[in-house]
Amino acid sequence: MNTGSLRRSGPIPGPARGRARPKAEEAVRVEVSPEAEEFVRQRGGQVWVWAAHPRMCCSGTPAFMHAAIEPPPGLSGFSPVSSAGLDVWFRLPSGQLPDVLEIGLHGKRHPRVEAYWDGCSFAL
């Protein structure tokens, strides 16, 4: 897998849940599978990654990770990460940072990029 890093400058907004607030000099390691790297490169070389809570009636639902090869409509606040020749745009949820942001490819007939927060499909 290819790796890159995201460096934040300035304070991270929002409370950190269960972890100390990330420091500005901390970095996120980005790992991209070879299949996902090739898929994204063939489609412009950019991928957007973010976490979002599903629209449900109940609270406490975790924020699931999303990834796309086009900017998602109506969302802003993405930070650039360069990884193996790809431009990865990552939107931090609630001031938390994963140790590893993984980007993979899912599906054979209709392939799509997927993102994982420390190996999970939801933000911890």
PDB file of N, CA and C in Angstrom:
ATOM      1  N   MET A   1       0.835  -1.177   0.000  1.00  0.00           N
ATOM      2  CA  MET A   1       0.000   0.000   0.000  1.00  0.00           C
ATOM      3  C   MET A   1       0.878   1.237   0.000  1.00  0.00           C
ATOM      4  N   ASN A   2       0.385   2.288  -0.596  1.00  0.00           N
ATOM      5  CA  ASN A   2       1.110   3.541  -0.636  1.00  0.00           C
ATOM      6  C   ASN A   2       0.621   4.420   0.494  1.00  0.00           C
ATOM      7  N   THR A   3       1.521   5.227   1.043  1.00  0.00           N
ATOM      8  CA  THR A   3       1.142   6.044   2.184  1.00  0.00           C
ATOM      9  C   THR A   3       1.453   7.502   1.956  1.00  0.00           C
ATOM     10  N   GLY A   4       0.725   8.352   2.636  1.00  0.00           N
ATOM     11  CA  GLY A   4       0.938   9.793   2.631  1.00  0.00           C
ATOM     12  C   GLY A   4       0.570  10.284   4.015  1.00  0.00           C
ATOM     13  N   SER A   5       0.581  11.584   4.223  1.00  0.00           N
ATOM     14  CA  SER A   5       0.206  12.084   5.539  1.00  0.00           C
ATOM     15  C   SER A   5      -0.568  13.379   5.418  1.00  0.00           C
ATOM     16  N   LEU A   6      -1.354  13.661   6.427  1.00  0.00           N
ATOM     17  CA  LEU A   6      -2.141  14.885   6.524  1.00  0.00           C
ATOM     18  C   LEU A   6      -1.641  15.628   7.745  1.00  0.00           C
ATOM     19  N   ARG A   7      -1.220  16.832   7.570  1.00  0.00           N
ATOM     20  CA  ARG A   7      -0.763  17.638   8.697  1.00  0.00           C
ATOM     21  C   ARG A   7      -1.755  18.763   8.898  1.00  0.00           C
ATOM     22  N   ARG A   8      -2.182  18.937  10.129  1.00  0.00           N
ATOM     23  CA  ARG A   8      -3.137  19.981  10.471  1.00  0.00           C
ATOM     24  C   ARG A   8      -2.378  21.155  11.060  1.00  0.00           C
ATOM     25  N   SER A   9      -2.817  22.350  10.752  1.00  0.00           N
ATOM     26  CA  SER A   9      -2.265  23.518  11.412  1.00  0.00           C
ATOM     27  C   SER A   9      -3.386  24.218  12.149  1.00  0.00           C
ATOM     28  N   GLY A  10      -3.089  24.716  13.343  1.00  0.00           N
ATOM     29  CA  GLY A  10      -4.105  25.379  14.139  1.00  0.00           C
ATOM     30  C   GLY A  10      -4.903  24.388  14.959  1.00  0.00           C
ATOM     31  N   PRO A  11      -5.790  24.877  15.801  1.00  0.00           N
ATOM     32  CA  PRO A  11      -6.564  24.000  16.679  1.00  0.00           C
ATOM     33  C   PRO A  11      -7.595  23.194  15.912  1.00  0.00           C
ATOM     34  N   ILE A  12      -7.880  22.007  16.392  1.00  0.00           N
ATOM     35  CA  ILE A  12      -8.905  21.137  15.828  1.00  0.00           C
ATOM     36  C   ILE A  12     -10.215  21.475  16.525  1.00  0.00           C
ATOM     37  N   PRO A  13     -11.272  21.874  15.773  1.00  0.00           N
ATOM     38  CA  PRO A  13     -12.525  22.241  16.425  1.00  0.00           C
ATOM     39  C   PRO A  13     -13.260  21.023  16.972  1.00  0.00           C
ATOM     40  N   GLY A  14     -14.048  21.241  18.012  1.00  0.00           N
ATOM     41  CA  GLY A  14     -14.900  20.192  18.550  1.00  0.00           C
ATOM     42  C   GLY A  14     -14.208  19.349  19.596  1.00  0.00           C
ATOM     43  N   PRO A  15     -14.983  18.682  20.447  1.00  0.00           N
ATOM     44  CA  PRO A  15     -14.406  17.864  21.505  1.00  0.00           C
ATOM     45  C   PRO A  15     -13.902  16.535  20.966  1.00  0.00           C
ATOM     46  N   ALA A  16     -12.847  16.030  21.547  1.00  0.00           N
ATOM     47  CA  ALA A  16     -12.339  14.700  21.198  1.00  0.00           C
ATOM     48  C   ALA A  16     -13.017  13.710  22.134  1.00  0.00           C
ATOM     49  N   ARG A  17     -13.584  12.669  21.592  1.00  0.00           N
ATOM     50  CA  ARG A  17     -14.305  11.681  22.386  1.00  0.00           C
ATOM     51  C   ARG A  17     -13.391  10.497  22.674  1.00  0.00           C
ATOM     52  N   GLY A  18     -13.052  10.315  23.939  1.00  0.00           N
ATOM     53  CA  GLY A  18     -12.301   9.139  24.328  1.00  0.00           C
ATOM     54  C   GLY A  18     -10.811   9.220  24.024  1.00  0.00           C
ATOM     55  N   ARG A  19     -10.350  10.261  23.367  1.00  0.00           N
ATOM     56  CA  ARG A  19      -8.936  10.428  23.050  1.00  0.00           C
ATOM     57  C   ARG A  19      -8.535  11.854  23.374  1.00  0.00           C
ATOM     58  N   ALA A  20      -7.254  12.029  23.609  1.00  0.00           N
ATOM     59  CA  ALA A  20      -6.765  13.393  23.805  1.00  0.00           C
ATOM     60  C   ALA A  20      -6.935  14.154  22.502  1.00  0.00           C
ATOM     61  N   ARG A  21      -7.136  15.441  22.599  1.00  0.00           N
ATOM     62  CA  ARG A  21      -7.290  16.282  21.412  1.00  0.00           C
ATOM     63  C   ARG A  21      -6.020  16.161  20.569  1.00  0.00           C
ATOM     64  N   PRO A  22      -6.138  15.928  19.235  1.00  0.00           N
ATOM     65  CA  PRO A  22      -4.961  15.797  18.390  1.00  0.00           C
ATOM     66  C   PRO A  22      -4.148  17.085  18.379  1.00  0.00           C
ATOM     67  N   LYS A  23      -2.831  16.941  18.329  1.00  0.00           N
ATOM     68  CA  LYS A  23      -1.950  18.094  18.244  1.00  0.00           C
ATOM     69  C   LYS A  23      -1.722  18.435  16.780  1.00  0.00           C
ATOM     70  N   ALA A  24      -1.375  19.677  16.526  1.00  0.00           N
ATOM     71  CA  ALA A  24      -1.197  20.150  15.159  1.00  0.00           C
ATOM     72  C   ALA A  24      -0.117  19.369  14.429  1.00  0.00           C
ATOM     73  N   GLU A  25       0.902  18.921  15.159  1.00  0.00           N
ATOM     74  CA  GLU A  25       1.990  18.225  14.471  1.00  0.00           C
ATOM     75  C   GLU A  25       1.716  16.741  14.223  1.00  0.00           C
ATOM     76  N   GLU A  26       0.598  16.236  14.727  1.00  0.00           N
ATOM     77  CA  GLU A  26       0.251  14.840  14.463  1.00  0.00           C
ATOM     78  C   GLU A  26      -0.137  14.664  12.998  1.00  0.00           C
ATOM     79  N   ALA A  27       0.087  13.489  12.458  1.00  0.00           N
ATOM     80  CA  ALA A  27      -0.225  13.215  11.053  1.00  0.00           C
ATOM     81  C   ALA A  27      -1.085  11.965  10.951  1.00  0.00           C
ATOM     82  N   VAL A  28      -1.878  11.901   9.902  1.00  0.00           N
ATOM     83  CA  VAL A  28      -2.669  10.727   9.582  1.00  0.00           C
ATOM     84  C   VAL A  28      -1.922   9.967   8.497  1.00  0.00           C
ATOM     85  N   ARG A  29      -1.701   8.692   8.704  1.00  0.00           N
ATOM     86  CA  ARG A  29      -1.080   7.856   7.674  1.00  0.00           C
ATOM     87  C   ARG A  29      -2.169   7.411   6.712  1.00  0.00           C
ATOM     88  N   VAL A  30      -1.948   7.601   5.419  1.00  0.00           N
ATOM     89  CA  VAL A  30      -2.910   7.218   4.395  1.00  0.00           C
ATOM     90  C   VAL A  30      -2.367   6.000   3.657  1.00  0.00           C
ATOM     91  N   GLU A  31      -3.175   4.943   3.589  1.00  0.00           N
ATOM     92  CA  GLU A  31      -2.806   3.745   2.846  1.00  0.00           C
ATOM     93  C   GLU A  31      -3.821   3.536   1.734  1.00  0.00           C
ATOM     94  N   VAL A  32      -3.322   3.385   0.509  1.00  0.00           N
ATOM     95  CA  VAL A  32      -4.179   3.203  -0.662  1.00  0.00           C
ATOM     96  C   VAL A  32      -3.837   1.864  -1.300  1.00  0.00           C
ATOM     97  N   SER A  33      -4.853   1.024  -1.512  1.00  0.00           N
ATOM     98  CA  SER A  33      -4.596  -0.266  -2.157  1.00  0.00           C
ATOM     99  C   SER A  33      -4.181  -0.022  -3.605  1.00  0.00           C
ATOM    100  N   PRO A  34      -3.386  -0.922  -4.195  1.00  0.00           N
ATOM    101  CA  PRO A  34      -2.979  -0.754  -5.596  1.00  0.00           C
ATOM    102  C   PRO A  34      -4.174  -0.667  -6.550  1.00  0.00           C
ATOM    103  N   GLU A  35      -5.237  -1.437  -6.279  1.00  0.00           N
ATOM    104  CA  GLU A  35      -6.421  -1.410  -7.131  1.00  0.00           C
ATOM    105  C   GLU A  35      -7.118  -0.059  -7.059  1.00  0.00           C
ATOM    106  N   ALA A  36      -7.249   0.480  -5.840  1.00  0.00           N
ATOM    107  CA  ALA A  36      -7.893   1.782  -5.666  1.00  0.00           C
ATOM    108  C   ALA A  36      -7.045   2.875  -6.295  1.00  0.00           C
ATOM    109  N   GLU A  37      -5.735   2.785  -6.141  1.00  0.00           N
ATOM    110  CA  GLU A  37      -4.845   3.782  -6.736  1.00  0.00           C
ATOM    111  C   GLU A  37      -5.014   3.831  -8.256  1.00  0.00           C
ATOM    112  N   GLU A  38      -5.023   2.674  -8.891  1.00  0.00           N
ATOM    113  CA  GLU A  38      -5.193   2.624 -10.349  1.00  0.00           C
ATOM    114  C   GLU A  38      -6.565   3.149 -10.771  1.00  0.00           C
ATOM    115  N   PHE A  39      -7.611   2.751 -10.053  1.00  0.00           N
ATOM    116  CA  PHE A  39      -8.974   3.185 -10.343  1.00  0.00           C
ATOM    117  C   PHE A  39      -9.080   4.712 -10.272  1.00  0.00           C
ATOM    118  N   VAL A  40      -8.533   5.305  -9.200  1.00  0.00           N
ATOM    119  CA  VAL A  40      -8.612   6.756  -9.005  1.00  0.00           C
ATOM    120  C   VAL A  40      -7.765   7.485 -10.043  1.00  0.00           C
ATOM    121  N   ARG A  41      -6.573   6.980 -10.320  1.00  0.00           N
ATOM    122  CA  ARG A  41      -5.708   7.623 -11.334  1.00  0.00           C
ATOM    123  C   ARG A  41      -6.382   7.663 -12.706  1.00  0.00           C
ATOM    124  N   GLN A  42      -7.071   6.597 -13.064  1.00  0.00           N
ATOM    125  CA  GLN A  42      -7.751   6.547 -14.364  1.00  0.00           C
ATOM    126  C   GLN A  42      -8.922   7.516 -14.431  1.00  0.00           C
ATOM    127  N   ARG A  43      -9.356   8.030 -13.291  1.00  0.00           N
ATOM    128  CA  ARG A  43     -10.511   8.934 -13.232  1.00  0.00           C
ATOM    129  C   ARG A  43     -10.135  10.317 -12.713  1.00  0.00           C
ATOM    130  N   GLY A  44      -8.914  10.719 -12.944  1.00  0.00           N
ATOM    131  CA  GLY A  44      -8.491  12.070 -12.600  1.00  0.00           C
ATOM    132  C   GLY A  44      -7.531  12.200 -11.442  1.00  0.00           C
ATOM    133  N   GLY A  45      -7.334  11.157 -10.663  1.00  0.00           N
ATOM    134  CA  GLY A  45      -6.339  11.176  -9.601  1.00  0.00           C
ATOM    135  C   GLY A  45      -6.747  11.845  -8.312  1.00  0.00           C
ATOM    136  N   GLN A  46      -8.048  12.124  -8.122  1.00  0.00           N
ATOM    137  CA  GLN A  46      -8.508  12.750  -6.890  1.00  0.00           C
ATOM    138  C   GLN A  46      -9.584  11.902  -6.226  1.00  0.00           C
ATOM    139  N   VAL A  47      -9.528  11.858  -4.888  1.00  0.00           N
ATOM    140  CA  VAL A  47     -10.540  11.135  -4.119  1.00  0.00           C
ATOM    141  C   VAL A  47     -10.888  11.966  -2.883  1.00  0.00           C
ATOM    142  N   TRP A  48     -12.175  12.026  -2.568  1.00  0.00           N
ATOM    143  CA  TRP A  48     -12.680  12.756  -1.404  1.00  0.00           C
ATOM    144  C   TRP A  48     -13.135  11.747  -0.365  1.00  0.00           C
ATOM    145  N   VAL A  49     -12.744  11.973   0.902  1.00  0.00           N
ATOM    146  CA  VAL A  49     -13.080  11.058   1.991  1.00  0.00           C
ATOM    147  C   VAL A  49     -13.690  11.868   3.133  1.00  0.00           C
ATOM    148  N   TRP A  50     -14.814  11.379   3.679  1.00  0.00           N
ATOM    149  CA  TRP A  50     -15.483  12.058   4.787  1.00  0.00           C
ATOM    150  C   TRP A  50     -16.299  11.051   5.582  1.00  0.00           C
ATOM    151  N   ALA A  51     -16.692  11.468   6.780  1.00  0.00           N
ATOM    152  CA  ALA A  51     -17.555  10.644   7.631  1.00  0.00           C
ATOM    153  C   ALA A  51     -18.881  11.384   7.786  1.00  0.00           C
ATOM    154  N   ALA A  52     -19.978  10.630   7.796  1.00  0.00           N
ATOM    155  CA  ALA A  52     -21.300  11.242   7.941  1.00  0.00           C
ATOM    156  C   ALA A  52     -22.212  10.297   8.715  1.00  0.00           C
ATOM    157  N   HIS A  53     -23.040  10.899   9.554  1.00  0.00           N
ATOM    158  CA  HIS A  53     -24.030  10.125  10.304  1.00  0.00           C
ATOM    159  C   HIS A  53     -25.208   9.821   9.390  1.00  0.00           C
ATOM    160  N   PRO A  54     -25.733   8.583   9.423  1.00  0.00           N
ATOM    161  CA  PRO A  54     -26.917   8.275   8.618  1.00  0.00           C
ATOM    162  C   PRO A  54     -28.138   9.007   9.158  1.00  0.00           C
ATOM    163  N   ARG A  55     -29.076   9.266   8.294  1.00  0.00           N
ATOM    164  CA  ARG A  55     -30.316   9.928   8.717  1.00  0.00           C
ATOM    165  C   ARG A  55     -31.232   8.888   9.333  1.00  0.00           C
ATOM    166  N   MET A  56     -31.284   8.914  10.660  1.00  0.00           N
ATOM    167  CA  MET A  56     -32.097   7.945  11.396  1.00  0.00           C
ATOM    168  C   MET A  56     -32.824   8.673  12.517  1.00  0.00           C
ATOM    169  N   CYS A  57     -33.805   8.006  13.096  1.00  0.00           N
ATOM    170  CA  CYS A  57     -34.571   8.614  14.178  1.00  0.00           C
ATOM    171  C   CYS A  57     -33.854   8.531  15.519  1.00  0.00           C
ATOM    172  N   CYS A  58     -32.864   7.679  15.626  1.00  0.00           N
ATOM    173  CA  CYS A  58     -32.203   7.436  16.914  1.00  0.00           C
ATOM    174  C   CYS A  58     -30.838   8.118  16.978  1.00  0.00           C
ATOM    175  N   SER A  59     -30.462   8.575  18.160  1.00  0.00           N
ATOM    176  CA  SER A  59     -29.143   9.188  18.313  1.00  0.00           C
ATOM    177  C   SER A  59     -28.129   8.119  18.708  1.00  0.00           C
ATOM    178  N   GLY A  60     -26.859   8.485  18.640  1.00  0.00           N
ATOM    179  CA  GLY A  60     -25.804   7.552  19.016  1.00  0.00           C
ATOM    180  C   GLY A  60     -25.311   6.692  17.870  1.00  0.00           C
ATOM    181  N   THR A  61     -25.825   6.902  16.675  1.00  0.00           N
ATOM    182  CA  THR A  61     -25.391   6.135  15.522  1.00  0.00           C
ATOM    183  C   THR A  61     -24.005   6.611  15.101  1.00  0.00           C
ATOM    184  N   PRO A  62     -23.070   5.683  14.821  1.00  0.00           N
ATOM    185  CA  PRO A  62     -21.725   6.117  14.426  1.00  0.00           C
ATOM    186  C   PRO A  62     -21.725   6.771  13.046  1.00  0.00           C
ATOM    187  N   ALA A  63     -20.731   7.604  12.815  1.00  0.00           N
ATOM    188  CA  ALA A  63     -20.555   8.244  11.511  1.00  0.00           C
ATOM    189  C   ALA A  63     -19.837   7.265  10.587  1.00  0.00           C
ATOM    190  N   PHE A  64     -20.452   6.939   9.465  1.00  0.00           N
ATOM    191  CA  PHE A  64     -19.867   5.999   8.517  1.00  0.00           C
ATOM    192  C   PHE A  64     -18.970   6.723   7.538  1.00  0.00           C
ATOM    193  N   MET A  65     -17.929   6.043   7.113  1.00  0.00           N
ATOM    194  CA  MET A  65     -16.962   6.597   6.181  1.00  0.00           C
ATOM    195  C   MET A  65     -17.505   6.532   4.757  1.00  0.00           C
ATOM    196  N   HIS A  66     -17.209   7.576   3.992  1.00  0.00           N
ATOM    197  CA  HIS A  66     -17.615   7.656   2.595  1.00  0.00           C
ATOM    198  C   HIS A  66     -16.409   8.086   1.768  1.00  0.00           C
ATOM    199  N   ALA A  67     -16.391   7.684   0.521  1.00  0.00           N
ATOM    200  CA  ALA A  67     -15.332   8.095  -0.404  1.00  0.00           C
ATOM    201  C   ALA A  67     -15.943   8.236  -1.788  1.00  0.00           C
ATOM    202  N   ALA A  68     -15.400   9.164  -2.564  1.00  0.00           N
ATOM    203  CA  ALA A  68     -15.892   9.391  -3.928  1.00  0.00           C
ATOM    204  C   ALA A  68     -14.768   9.967  -4.774  1.00  0.00           C
ATOM    205  N   ILE A  69     -14.898   9.811  -6.088  1.00  0.00           N
ATOM    206  CA  ILE A  69     -13.888  10.348  -7.001  1.00  0.00           C
ATOM    207  C   ILE A  69     -14.282  11.726  -7.518  1.00  0.00           C
ATOM    208  N   GLU A  70     -15.411  12.240  -7.041  1.00  0.00           N
ATOM    209  CA  GLU A  70     -15.849  13.600  -7.353  1.00  0.00           C
ATOM    210  C   GLU A  70     -16.203  14.283  -6.045  1.00  0.00           C
ATOM    211  N   PRO A  71     -16.054  15.606  -5.963  1.00  0.00           N
ATOM    212  CA  PRO A  71     -16.382  16.292  -4.705  1.00  0.00           C
ATOM    213  C   PRO A  71     -17.853  16.100  -4.346  1.00  0.00           C
ATOM    214  N   PRO A  72     -18.136  15.772  -3.085  1.00  0.00           N
ATOM    215  CA  PRO A  72     -19.530  15.606  -2.687  1.00  0.00           C
ATOM    216  C   PRO A  72     -20.242  16.956  -2.653  1.00  0.00           C
ATOM    217  N   PRO A  73     -21.452  17.025  -3.186  1.00  0.00           N
ATOM    218  CA  PRO A  73     -22.178  18.311  -3.176  1.00  0.00           C
ATOM    219  C   PRO A  73     -22.561  18.721  -1.764  1.00  0.00           C
ATOM    220  N   GLY A  74     -22.428  19.998  -1.485  1.00  0.00           N
ATOM    221  CA  GLY A  74     -22.873  20.539  -0.210  1.00  0.00           C
ATOM    222  C   GLY A  74     -21.924  20.358   0.959  1.00  0.00           C
ATOM    223  N   LEU A  75     -20.736  19.786   0.736  1.00  0.00           N
ATOM    224  CA  LEU A  75     -19.774  19.610   1.827  1.00  0.00           C
ATOM    225  C   LEU A  75     -18.541  20.453   1.567  1.00  0.00           C
ATOM    226  N   SER A  76     -17.983  20.994   2.648  1.00  0.00           N
ATOM    227  CA  SER A  76     -16.741  21.759   2.541  1.00  0.00           C
ATOM    228  C   SER A  76     -15.854  21.379   3.713  1.00  0.00           C
ATOM    229  N   GLY A  77     -14.703  22.013   3.828  1.00  0.00           N
ATOM    230  CA  GLY A  77     -13.812  21.747   4.947  1.00  0.00           C
ATOM    231  C   GLY A  77     -12.865  20.591   4.722  1.00  0.00           C
ATOM    232  N   PHE A  78     -12.557  20.261   3.481  1.00  0.00           N
ATOM    233  CA  PHE A  78     -11.638  19.170   3.175  1.00  0.00           C
ATOM    234  C   PHE A  78     -10.200  19.669   3.225  1.00  0.00           C
ATOM    235  N   SER A  79      -9.288  18.819   3.714  1.00  0.00           N
ATOM    236  CA  SER A  79      -7.864  19.122   3.751  1.00  0.00           C
ATOM    237  C   SER A  79      -7.149  18.205   2.770  1.00  0.00           C
ATOM    238  N   PRO A  80      -6.203  18.739   1.987  1.00  0.00           N
ATOM    239  CA  PRO A  80      -5.521  17.902   0.995  1.00  0.00           C
ATOM    240  C   PRO A  80      -4.463  16.996   1.619  1.00  0.00           C
ATOM    241  N   VAL A  81      -4.356  15.801   1.067  1.00  0.00           N
ATOM    242  CA  VAL A  81      -3.321  14.829   1.419  1.00  0.00           C
ATOM    243  C   VAL A  81      -2.803  14.280   0.102  1.00  0.00           C
ATOM    244  N   SER A  82      -1.503  14.260  -0.080  1.00  0.00           N
ATOM    245  CA  SER A  82      -0.937  13.689  -1.296  1.00  0.00           C
ATOM    246  C   SER A  82      -0.468  12.281  -0.980  1.00  0.00           C
ATOM    247  N   SER A  83      -0.893  11.319  -1.772  1.00  0.00           N
ATOM    248  CA  SER A  83      -0.555   9.921  -1.513  1.00  0.00           C
ATOM    249  C   SER A  83      -0.317   9.205  -2.819  1.00  0.00           C
ATOM    250  N   ALA A  84       0.918   8.819  -3.082  1.00  0.00           N
ATOM    251  CA  ALA A  84       1.281   8.012  -4.251  1.00  0.00           C
ATOM    252  C   ALA A  84       0.790   8.625  -5.552  1.00  0.00           C
ATOM    253  N   GLY A  85       0.921   9.927  -5.667  1.00  0.00           N
ATOM    254  CA  GLY A  85       0.482  10.571  -6.893  1.00  0.00           C
ATOM    255  C   GLY A  85      -1.005  10.871  -6.931  1.00  0.00           C
ATOM    256  N   LEU A  86      -1.729  10.501  -5.881  1.00  0.00           N
ATOM    257  CA  LEU A  86      -3.157  10.803  -5.805  1.00  0.00           C
ATOM    258  C   LEU A  86      -3.349  12.026  -4.924  1.00  0.00           C
ATOM    259  N   ASP A  87      -4.383  12.786  -5.210  1.00  0.00           N
ATOM    260  CA  ASP A  87      -4.783  13.883  -4.340  1.00  0.00           C
ATOM    261  C   ASP A  87      -5.952  13.387  -3.503  1.00  0.00           C
ATOM    262  N   VAL A  88      -5.699  13.194  -2.218  1.00  0.00           N
ATOM    263  CA  VAL A  88      -6.727  12.735  -1.295  1.00  0.00           C
ATOM    264  C   VAL A  88      -7.191  13.949  -0.502  1.00  0.00           C
ATOM    265  N   TRP A  89      -8.508  14.196  -0.519  1.00  0.00           N
ATOM    266  CA  TRP A  89      -9.124  15.297   0.218  1.00  0.00           C
ATOM    267  C   TRP A  89      -9.889  14.681   1.365  1.00  0.00           C
ATOM    268  N   PHE A  90      -9.512  15.034   2.605  1.00  0.00           N
ATOM    269  CA  PHE A  90     -10.070  14.406   3.796  1.00  0.00           C
ATOM    270  C   PHE A  90     -10.756  15.454   4.662  1.00  0.00           C
ATOM    271  N   ARG A  91     -11.971  15.150   5.066  1.00  0.00           N
ATOM    272  CA  ARG A  91     -12.739  16.039   5.950  1.00  0.00           C
ATOM    273  C   ARG A  91     -12.750  15.434   7.339  1.00  0.00           C
ATOM    274  N   LEU A  92     -12.151  16.145   8.298  1.00  0.00           N
ATOM    275  CA  LEU A  92     -12.066  15.665   9.674  1.00  0.00           C
ATOM    276  C   LEU A  92     -13.422  15.746  10.366  1.00  0.00           C
ATOM    277  N   PRO A  93     -13.889  14.647  10.949  1.00  0.00           N
ATOM    278  CA  PRO A  93     -15.127  14.709  11.714  1.00  0.00           C
ATOM    279  C   PRO A  93     -14.843  15.043  13.179  1.00  0.00           C
ATOM    280  N   SER A  94     -15.487  16.020  13.703  1.00  0.00           N
ATOM    281  CA  SER A  94     -15.483  16.401  15.129  1.00  0.00           C
ATOM    282  C   SER A  94     -14.107  16.428  15.785  1.00  0.00           C
ATOM    283  N   GLY A  95     -13.100  16.877  15.067  1.00  0.00           N
ATOM    284  CA  GLY A  95     -11.793  17.088  15.666  1.00  0.00           C
ATOM    285  C   GLY A  95     -10.985  15.848  15.957  1.00  0.00           C
ATOM    286  N   GLN A  96     -11.390  14.708  15.489  1.00  0.00           N
ATOM    287  CA  GLN A  96     -10.659  13.470  15.740  1.00  0.00           C
ATOM    288  C   GLN A  96      -9.835  13.096  14.515  1.00  0.00           C
ATOM    289  N   LEU A  97      -8.739  12.378  14.750  1.00  0.00           N
ATOM    290  CA  LEU A  97      -7.890  11.886  13.669  1.00  0.00           C
ATOM    291  C   LEU A  97      -7.742  10.373  13.783  1.00  0.00           C
ATOM    292  N   PRO A  98      -7.851   9.641  12.680  1.00  0.00           N
ATOM    293  CA  PRO A  98      -7.535   8.212  12.738  1.00  0.00           C
ATOM    294  C   PRO A  98      -6.023   8.041  12.732  1.00  0.00           C
ATOM    295  N   ASP A  99      -5.552   6.896  13.190  1.00  0.00           N
ATOM    296  CA  ASP A  99      -4.133   6.588  13.043  1.00  0.00           C
ATOM    297  C   ASP A  99      -3.835   6.294  11.582  1.00  0.00           C
ATOM    298  N   VAL A 100      -4.759   5.543  10.932  1.00  0.00           N
ATOM    299  CA  VAL A 100      -4.597   5.172   9.525  1.00  0.00           C
ATOM    300  C   VAL A 100      -5.905   5.421   8.792  1.00  0.00           C
ATOM    301  N   LEU A 101      -5.830   6.141   7.691  1.00  0.00           N
ATOM    302  CA  LEU A 101      -6.957   6.329   6.788  1.00  0.00           C
ATOM    303  C   LEU A 101      -6.690   5.423   5.590  1.00  0.00           C
ATOM    304  N   GLU A 102      -7.522   4.396   5.425  1.00  0.00           N
ATOM    305  CA  GLU A 102      -7.326   3.422   4.355  1.00  0.00           C
ATOM    306  C   GLU A 102      -8.309   3.687   3.223  1.00  0.00           C
ATOM    307  N   ILE A 103      -7.826   3.554   2.000  1.00  0.00           N
ATOM    308  CA  ILE A 103      -8.666   3.714   0.816  1.00  0.00           C
ATOM    309  C   ILE A 103      -8.531   2.452  -0.011  1.00  0.00           C
ATOM    310  N   GLY A 104      -9.666   1.821  -0.289  1.00  0.00           N
ATOM    311  CA  GLY A 104      -9.677   0.585  -1.048  1.00  0.00           C
ATOM    312  C   GLY A 104     -10.707   0.644  -2.156  1.00  0.00           C
ATOM    313  N   LEU A 105     -10.782  -0.432  -2.919  1.00  0.00           N
ATOM    314  CA  LEU A 105     -11.742  -0.538  -4.019  1.00  0.00           C
ATOM    315  C   LEU A 105     -12.682  -1.681  -3.710  1.00  0.00           C
ATOM    316  N   HIS A 106     -13.975  -1.468  -3.927  1.00  0.00           N
ATOM    317  CA  HIS A 106     -14.983  -2.483  -3.647  1.00  0.00           C
ATOM    318  C   HIS A 106     -15.839  -2.687  -4.886  1.00  0.00           C
ATOM    319  N   GLY A 107     -16.160  -3.944  -5.172  1.00  0.00           N
ATOM    320  CA  GLY A 107     -17.041  -4.281  -6.284  1.00  0.00           C
ATOM    321  C   GLY A 107     -16.286  -4.582  -7.563  1.00  0.00           C
ATOM    322  N   LYS A 108     -16.782  -5.548  -8.308  1.00  0.00           N
ATOM    323  CA  LYS A 108     -16.171  -5.924  -9.586  1.00  0.00           C
ATOM    324  C   LYS A 108     -16.967  -5.360 -10.764  1.00  0.00           C
ATOM    325  N   ARG A 109     -18.287  -5.527 -10.734  1.00  0.00           N
ATOM    326  CA  ARG A 109     -19.119  -5.033 -11.843  1.00  0.00           C
ATOM    327  C   ARG A 109     -19.268  -3.523 -11.816  1.00  0.00           C
ATOM    328  N   HIS A 110     -19.421  -2.962 -10.620  1.00  0.00           N
ATOM    329  CA  HIS A 110     -19.562  -1.519 -10.431  1.00  0.00           C
ATOM    330  C   HIS A 110     -18.567  -1.082  -9.352  1.00  0.00           C
ATOM    331  N   PRO A 111     -17.282  -1.026  -9.686  1.00  0.00           N
ATOM    332  CA  PRO A 111     -16.290  -0.695  -8.657  1.00  0.00           C
ATOM    333  C   PRO A 111     -16.450   0.730  -8.127  1.00  0.00           C
ATOM    334  N   ARG A 112     -16.116   0.890  -6.845  1.00  0.00           N
ATOM    335  CA  ARG A 112     -16.170   2.199  -6.204  1.00  0.00           C
ATOM    336  C   ARG A 112     -15.114   2.237  -5.103  1.00  0.00           C
ATOM    337  N   VAL A 113     -14.642   3.438  -4.822  1.00  0.00           N
ATOM    338  CA  VAL A 113     -13.670   3.592  -3.742  1.00  0.00           C
ATOM    339  C   VAL A 113     -14.396   3.576  -2.406  1.00  0.00           C
ATOM    340  N   GLU A 114     -13.724   3.032  -1.404  1.00  0.00           N
ATOM    341  CA  GLU A 114     -14.244   3.004  -0.048  1.00  0.00           C
ATOM    342  C   GLU A 114     -13.150   3.455   0.893  1.00  0.00           C
ATOM    343  N   ALA A 115     -13.540   4.040   2.018  1.00  0.00           N
ATOM    344  CA  ALA A 115     -12.582   4.515   3.009  1.00  0.00           C
ATOM    345  C   ALA A 115     -12.822   3.806   4.337  1.00  0.00           C
ATOM    346  N   TYR A 116     -11.729   3.630   5.086  1.00  0.00           N
ATOM    347  CA  TYR A 116     -11.792   2.964   6.376  1.00  0.00           C
ATOM    348  C   TYR A 116     -10.996   3.769   7.398  1.00  0.00           C
ATOM    349  N   TRP A 117     -11.561   3.952   8.578  1.00  0.00           N
ATOM    350  CA  TRP A 117     -10.959   4.678   9.693  1.00  0.00           C
ATOM    351  C   TRP A 117     -10.334   3.631  10.603  1.00  0.00           C
ATOM    352  N   ASP A 118      -9.031   3.532  10.615  1.00  0.00           N
ATOM    353  CA  ASP A 118      -8.322   2.521  11.397  1.00  0.00           C
ATOM    354  C   ASP A 118      -8.889   1.127  11.145  1.00  0.00           C
ATOM    355  N   GLY A 119      -9.213   0.829   9.877  1.00  0.00           N
ATOM    356  CA  GLY A 119      -9.723  -0.481   9.499  1.00  0.00           C
ATOM    357  C   GLY A 119     -11.216  -0.667   9.636  1.00  0.00           C
ATOM    358  N   CYS A 120     -11.939   0.347  10.110  1.00  0.00           N
ATOM    359  CA  CYS A 120     -13.383   0.250  10.308  1.00  0.00           C
ATOM    360  C   CYS A 120     -14.122   1.096   9.276  1.00  0.00           C
ATOM    361  N   SER A 121     -15.353   0.711   8.953  1.00  0.00           N
ATOM    362  CA  SER A 121     -16.149   1.474   7.994  1.00  0.00           C
ATOM    363  C   SER A 121     -16.853   2.655   8.648  1.00  0.00           C
ATOM    364  N   PHE A 122     -16.620   2.870   9.933  1.00  0.00           N
ATOM    365  CA  PHE A 122     -17.215   4.007  10.618  1.00  0.00           C
ATOM    366  C   PHE A 122     -16.121   4.730  11.414  1.00  0.00           C
ATOM    367  N   ALA A 123     -16.345   6.026  11.658  1.00  0.00           N
ATOM    368  CA  ALA A 123     -15.382   6.841  12.401  1.00  0.00           C
ATOM    369  C   ALA A 123     -15.498   6.535  13.890  1.00  0.00           C
ATOM    370  N   LEU A 124     -14.379   6.305  14.528  1.00  0.00           N
ATOM    371  CA  LEU A 124     -14.360   5.965  15.961  1.00  0.00           C
ATOM    372  C   LEU A 124     -14.230   7.204  16.811  1.00  0.00           C
TER     373      LEU A 124
END
